[in-house]
C-alpha atoms as a PDB file:
ATOM      1  CA  MET A   1      16.874 -19.797  17.601  1.00  0.00           C
ATOM      2  CA  ARG A   2      15.046 -23.012  16.784  1.00  0.00           C
ATOM      3  CA  GLN A   3      11.664 -21.328  17.174  1.00  0.00           C
ATOM      4  CA  LEU A   4      12.554 -18.482  14.807  1.00  0.00           C
ATOM      5  CA  LEU A   5      13.945 -20.864  12.175  1.00  0.00           C
ATOM      6  CA  THR A   6      10.891 -23.118  12.454  1.00  0.00           C
ATOM      7  CA  GLU A   7       8.536 -20.158  12.185  1.00  0.00           C
ATOM      8  CA  SER A   8      10.240 -18.748   9.085  1.00  0.00           C
ATOM      9  CA  ALA A   9      10.413 -22.195   7.455  1.00  0.00           C
ATOM     10  CA  LEU A  10       6.676 -22.712   8.060  1.00  0.00           C
ATOM     11  CA  VAL A  11       5.832 -19.293   6.641  1.00  0.00           C
ATOM     12  CA  ALA A  12       8.010 -19.995   3.577  1.00  0.00           C
ATOM     13  CA  ALA A  13       6.475 -23.460   3.079  1.00  0.00           C
ATOM     14  CA  SER A  14       2.992 -21.959   3.369  1.00  0.00           C
ATOM     15  CA  GLY A  15       3.916 -19.323   0.818  1.00  0.00           C
ATOM     16  CA  GLY A  16       5.306 -21.957  -1.551  1.00  0.00           C
ATOM     17  CA  THR A  17       2.149 -24.061  -1.203  1.00  0.00           C
ATOM     18  CA  LEU A  18      -0.056 -21.030  -1.801  1.00  0.00           C
ATOM     19  CA  GLY A  19       2.080 -20.122  -4.820  1.00  0.00           C
ATOM     20  CA  LEU A  20       1.610 -23.607  -6.279  1.00  0.00           C
ATOM     21  CA  LEU A  21      -2.156 -23.404  -5.777  1.00  0.00           C
ATOM     22  CA  VAL A  22      -2.283 -19.995  -7.454  1.00  0.00           C
ATOM     23  CA  ALA A  23      -0.172 -21.396 -10.313  1.00  0.00           C
ATOM     24  CA  LEU A  24      -2.559 -24.329 -10.792  1.00  0.00           C
ATOM     25  CA  TRP A  25      -5.608 -22.068 -10.720  1.00  0.00           C
ATOM     26  CA  GLY A  26      -3.851 -19.611 -13.015  1.00  0.00           C
ATOM     27  CA  LEU A  27      -3.104 -22.350 -15.541  1.00  0.00           C
ATOM     28  CA  ASP A  28      -6.735 -23.440 -15.508  1.00  0.00           C
ATOM     29  CA  LEU A  29      -7.907 -19.830 -15.891  1.00  0.00           C
ATOM     30  CA  PHE A  30      -5.406 -19.306 -18.709  1.00  0.00           C
ATOM     31  CA  ARG A  31      -6.622 -22.399 -20.574  1.00  0.00           C
ATOM     32  CA  VAL A  32     -10.274 -21.327 -20.204  1.00  0.00           C
ATOM     33  CA  THR A  33      -9.500 -17.770 -21.315  1.00  0.00           C
ATOM     34  CA  VAL A  34      -7.508 -18.771 -24.380  1.00  0.00           C
ATOM     35  CA  GLN A  35      -9.838 -21.621 -25.363  1.00  0.00           C
ATOM     36  CA  ALA A  36     -12.791 -19.251 -25.244  1.00  0.00           C
ATOM     37  CA  HIS A  37     -11.341 -17.534 -28.326  1.00  0.00           C
ATOM     38  CA  ARG A  38      -9.745 -20.467 -30.143  1.00  0.00           C
ATOM     39  CA  ASP A  39      -8.173 -23.835 -29.472  1.00  0.00           C
ATOM     40  CA  LEU A  40      -4.789 -23.806 -27.812  1.00  0.00           C
ATOM     41  CA  PRO A  41      -1.885 -24.153 -30.220  1.00  0.00           C
ATOM     42  CA  TYR A  42       0.517 -27.003 -29.545  1.00  0.00           C
ATOM     43  CA  TRP A  43       3.180 -24.650 -28.199  1.00  0.00           C
ATOM     44  CA  LEU A  44       0.906 -23.311 -25.448  1.00  0.00           C
ATOM     45  CA  ALA A  45       0.689 -26.574 -23.507  1.00  0.00           C
ATOM     46  CA  PHE A  46       1.582 -25.507 -19.965  1.00  0.00           C
ATOM     47  CA  SER A  47       1.658 -27.795 -16.946  1.00  0.00           C
ATOM     48  CA  LEU A  48       3.388 -28.229 -13.622  1.00  0.00           C
ATOM     49  CA  ASP A  49       5.764 -31.183 -13.517  1.00  0.00           C
ATOM     50  CA  ARG A  50       7.847 -32.827 -10.797  1.00  0.00           C
ATOM     51  CA  ALA A  51      10.842 -30.617 -11.512  1.00  0.00           C
ATOM     52  CA  GLY A  52       8.739 -27.482 -10.960  1.00  0.00           C
ATOM     53  CA  LEU A  53       7.285 -28.857  -7.745  1.00  0.00           C
ATOM     54  CA  LEU A  54      10.723 -29.873  -6.454  1.00  0.00           C
ATOM     55  CA  PHE A  55      12.191 -26.481  -7.377  1.00  0.00           C
ATOM     56  CA  THR A  56       9.373 -24.691  -5.540  1.00  0.00           C
ATOM     57  CA  ALA A  57       9.851 -26.844  -2.440  1.00  0.00           C
ATOM     58  CA  VAL A  58      13.632 -26.357  -2.354  1.00  0.00           C
ATOM     59  CA  VAL A  59      13.427 -22.602  -2.932  1.00  0.00           C
ATOM     60  CA  SER A  60      10.685 -22.203  -0.306  1.00  0.00           C
ATOM     61  CA  ILE A  61      12.603 -24.068   2.393  1.00  0.00           C
ATOM     62  CA  ALA A  62      15.926 -22.415   1.504  1.00  0.00           C
ATOM     63  CA  THR A  63      14.288 -18.988   1.573  1.00  0.00           C
ATOM     64  CA  GLY A  64      12.675 -19.701   4.934  1.00  0.00           C
ATOM     65  CA  LEU A  65      15.956 -20.807   6.458  1.00  0.00           C
ATOM     66  CA  ALA A  66      17.913 -17.925   4.940  1.00  0.00           C
ATOM     67  CA  VAL A  67      15.375 -15.326   6.053  1.00  0.00           C
ATOM     68  CA  GLY A  68      15.063 -16.860   9.516  1.00  0.00           C
ATOM     69  CA  ALA A  69      18.812 -17.145  10.076  1.00  0.00           C
ATOM     70  CA  LEU A  70      19.488 -13.432  10.638  1.00  0.00           C
ATOM     71  CA  PRO A  71      16.823 -12.860  13.315  1.00  0.00           C
ATOM     72  CA  ALA A  72      17.777 -16.172  14.935  1.00  0.00           C
ATOM     73  CA  LEU A  73      21.438 -15.184  15.109  1.00  0.00           C
ATOM     74  CA  ARG A  74      20.555 -11.722  16.417  1.00  0.00           C
ATOM     75  CA  SER A  75      18.379 -13.194  19.158  1.00  0.00           C
ATOM     76  CA  ALA A  76      21.111 -15.619  20.180  1.00  0.00           C
ATOM     77  CA  ARG A  77      23.532 -12.774  20.926  1.00  0.00           C
ATOM     78  CA  PRO A  78      21.572  -9.746  22.122  1.00  0.00           C
ATOM     79  CA  ASP A  79      23.512  -6.497  22.456  1.00  0.00           C
ATOM     80  CA  LEU A  80      22.536  -5.559  25.986  1.00  0.00           C
ATOM     81  CA  ARG A  81      24.840  -2.533  26.159  1.00  0.00           C
ATOM     82  CA  GLY A  82      23.262  -1.054  23.026  1.00  0.00           C
ATOM     83  CA  MET A  83      19.778  -1.788  24.335  1.00  0.00           C
ATOM     84  CA  LEU A  84      20.480  -0.074  27.651  1.00  0.00           C
ATOM     85  CA  GLN A  85      22.112   2.951  26.012  1.00  0.00           C
ATOM     86  CA  GLU A  86      19.294   3.225  23.476  1.00  0.00           C
ATOM     87  CA  GLY A  87      16.658   3.998  26.107  1.00  0.00           C
ATOM     88  CA  ARG A  88      14.102   5.477  23.696  1.00  0.00           C
ATOM     89  CA  ARG A  89      13.531   2.225  21.779  1.00  0.00           C
ATOM     90  CA  SER A  90      12.654  -1.036  23.441  1.00  0.00           C
ATOM     91  CA  SER A  91      13.702  -3.174  20.476  1.00  0.00           C
ATOM     92  CA  GLY A  92      17.342  -2.114  20.555  1.00  0.00           C
ATOM     93  CA  VAL A  93      17.322  -1.191  16.881  1.00  0.00           C
ATOM     94  CA  GLY A  94      18.987   2.162  16.339  1.00  0.00           C
ATOM     95  CA  ALA A  95      18.111   4.838  13.812  1.00  0.00           C
ATOM     96  CA  PRO A  96      20.693   3.773  11.166  1.00  0.00           C
ATOM     97  CA  THR A  97      19.582   0.138  11.378  1.00  0.00           C
ATOM     98  CA  SER A  98      15.941   1.184  11.219  1.00  0.00           C
ATOM     99  CA  ARG A  99      16.633   3.192   8.063  1.00  0.00           C
ATOM    100  CA  ILE A 100      18.317   0.182   6.449  1.00  0.00           C
ATOM    101  CA  TRP A 101      15.341  -2.062   7.251  1.00  0.00           C
ATOM    102  CA  SER A 102      12.969   0.602   5.885  1.00  0.00           C
ATOM    103  CA  ALA A 103      15.008   0.759   2.684  1.00  0.00           C
ATOM    104  CA  PHE A 104      14.752  -3.036   2.380  1.00  0.00           C
ATOM    105  CA  VAL A 105      10.976  -2.855   2.714  1.00  0.00           C
ATOM    106  CA  VAL A 106      10.744  -0.129   0.067  1.00  0.00           C
ATOM    107  CA  ALA A 107      12.972  -2.159  -2.289  1.00  0.00           C
ATOM    108  CA  GLU A 108      10.869  -5.264  -1.700  1.00  0.00           C
ATOM    109  CA  VAL A 109       7.630  -3.449  -2.508  1.00  0.00           C
ATOM    110  CA  ALA A 110       9.195  -1.908  -5.626  1.00  0.00           C
ATOM    111  CA  LEU A 111      10.441  -5.290  -6.876  1.00  0.00           C
ATOM    112  CA  THR A 112       7.047  -6.842  -6.188  1.00  0.00           C
ATOM    113  CA  MET A 113       5.340  -4.175  -8.262  1.00  0.00           C
ATOM    114  CA  VAL A 114       7.804  -4.709 -11.130  1.00  0.00           C
ATOM    115  CA  LEU A 115       7.205  -8.482 -11.054  1.00  0.00           C
ATOM    116  CA  LEU A 116       3.416  -8.120 -10.923  1.00  0.00           C
ATOM    117  CA  THR A 117       3.434  -5.618 -13.778  1.00  0.00           C
ATOM    118  CA  GLY A 118       5.680  -7.882 -15.862  1.00  0.00           C
ATOM    119  CA  ALA A 119       3.479 -10.916 -15.182  1.00  0.00           C
ATOM    120  CA  GLY A 120       0.355  -8.995 -16.154  1.00  0.00           C
ATOM    121  CA  LEU A 121       1.931  -7.798 -19.389  1.00  0.00           C
ATOM    122  CA  LEU A 122       3.131 -11.319 -20.195  1.00  0.00           C
ATOM    123  CA  ILE A 123      -0.356 -12.760 -19.698  1.00  0.00           C
ATOM    124  CA  ARG A 124      -1.872 -10.001 -21.832  1.00  0.00           C
ATOM    125  CA  THR A 125       0.692 -10.632 -24.590  1.00  0.00           C
ATOM    126  CA  VAL A 126       0.017 -14.384 -24.668  1.00  0.00           C
ATOM    127  CA  VAL A 127      -3.744 -13.818 -24.813  1.00  0.00           C
ATOM    128  CA  LEU A 128      -3.332 -11.309 -27.663  1.00  0.00           C
ATOM    129  CA  LEU A 129      -0.947 -13.665 -29.503  1.00  0.00           C
ATOM    130  CA  SER A 130      -3.499 -16.458 -29.301  1.00  0.00           C
ATOM    131  CA  ARG A 131      -5.933 -14.250 -31.238  1.00  0.00           C
ATOM    132  CA  VAL A 132      -3.519 -13.502 -34.113  1.00  0.00           C
ATOM    133  CA  ASP A 133      -4.446 -15.047 -37.443  1.00  0.00           C
ATOM    134  CA  PRO A 134      -1.358 -16.902 -38.755  1.00  0.00           C
ATOM    135  CA  GLY A 135      -2.522 -16.556 -42.377  1.00  0.00           C
ATOM    136  CA  PHE A 136      -3.058 -20.278 -42.954  1.00  0.00           C
ATOM    137  CA  ASP A 137      -5.196 -23.091 -41.577  1.00  0.00           C
ATOM    138  CA  ALA A 138      -3.034 -24.536 -38.823  1.00  0.00           C
ATOM    139  CA  ALA A 139      -5.524 -27.309 -37.988  1.00  0.00           C
ATOM    140  CA  HIS A 140      -4.089 -29.704 -40.590  1.00  0.00           C
ATOM    141  CA  ALA A 141      -0.453 -28.559 -40.535  1.00  0.00           C
ATOM    142  CA  LEU A 142       2.326 -30.987 -39.697  1.00  0.00           C
ATOM    143  CA  ILE A 143       5.666 -29.950 -38.313  1.00  0.00           C
ATOM    144  CA  ALA A 144       8.612 -32.314 -38.567  1.00  0.00           C
ATOM    145  CA  ARG A 145      12.225 -31.944 -37.585  1.00  0.00           C
ATOM    146  CA  VAL A 146      14.763 -33.960 -39.538  1.00  0.00           C
ATOM    147  CA  PRO A 147      18.230 -33.963 -37.981  1.00  0.00           C
ATOM    148  CA  LEU A 148      20.963 -34.292 -40.571  1.00  0.00           C
ATOM    149  CA  GLY A 149      24.016 -36.078 -39.245  1.00  0.00           C
ATOM    150  CA  GLY A 150      27.039 -37.848 -40.525  1.00  0.00           C
ATOM    151  CA  ALA A 151      30.168 -36.830 -42.398  1.00  0.00           C
ATOM    152  CA  ARG A 152      28.220 -35.661 -45.430  1.00  0.00           C
ATOM    153  CA  TYR A 153      26.514 -32.810 -43.495  1.00  0.00           C
ATOM    154  CA  GLU A 154      29.329 -31.643 -41.194  1.00  0.00           C
ATOM    155  CA  SER A 155      30.447 -28.820 -43.468  1.00  0.00           C
ATOM    156  CA  PRO A 156      28.423 -26.686 -45.866  1.00  0.00           C
ATOM    157  CA  ALA A 157      28.406 -27.473 -49.546  1.00  0.00           C
ATOM    158  CA  PRO A 158      30.721 -25.429 -51.769  1.00  0.00           C
ATOM    159  CA  GLY A 159      29.214 -22.083 -52.643  1.00  0.00           C
ATOM    160  CA  VAL A 160      26.767 -22.125 -49.700  1.00  0.00           C
ATOM    161  CA  CYS A 161      27.119 -19.423 -47.059  1.00  0.00           C
ATOM    162  CA  SER A 162      27.441 -20.743 -43.543  1.00  0.00           C
END
């Protein structure tokens, strides 16, 4: 059991590390691509922070342990009677179980394709949005937010729709 859990945790940690590297390279590629056309607007400042790194680490380890738990539990209690009766397959996995695992693989591939397509469309949309002319010179624009508080601003003035 320990070996299976360790193996799945290492694979998940490797996947998380590779995902972080791809994210860093993707951010650099994104900045170069968008800056080739025009300077990045203030709202397109992307970076990886500690919260993102911690989230990736926790999800990677939790995924590795969750995925490794089922095979580890199955190996701890092998069904010898089923394996002996199922003479045609050495793994002891019957036809119904094999169909379920095949359905999981098909669902995983389908979800991966949906996520990759969505990510590609999102990147394309952001690149196209960076090329849109806002209709004014945004280089010297200033944006300020003024919070209005106190008793005077708690309710709308008479005659003003809320």
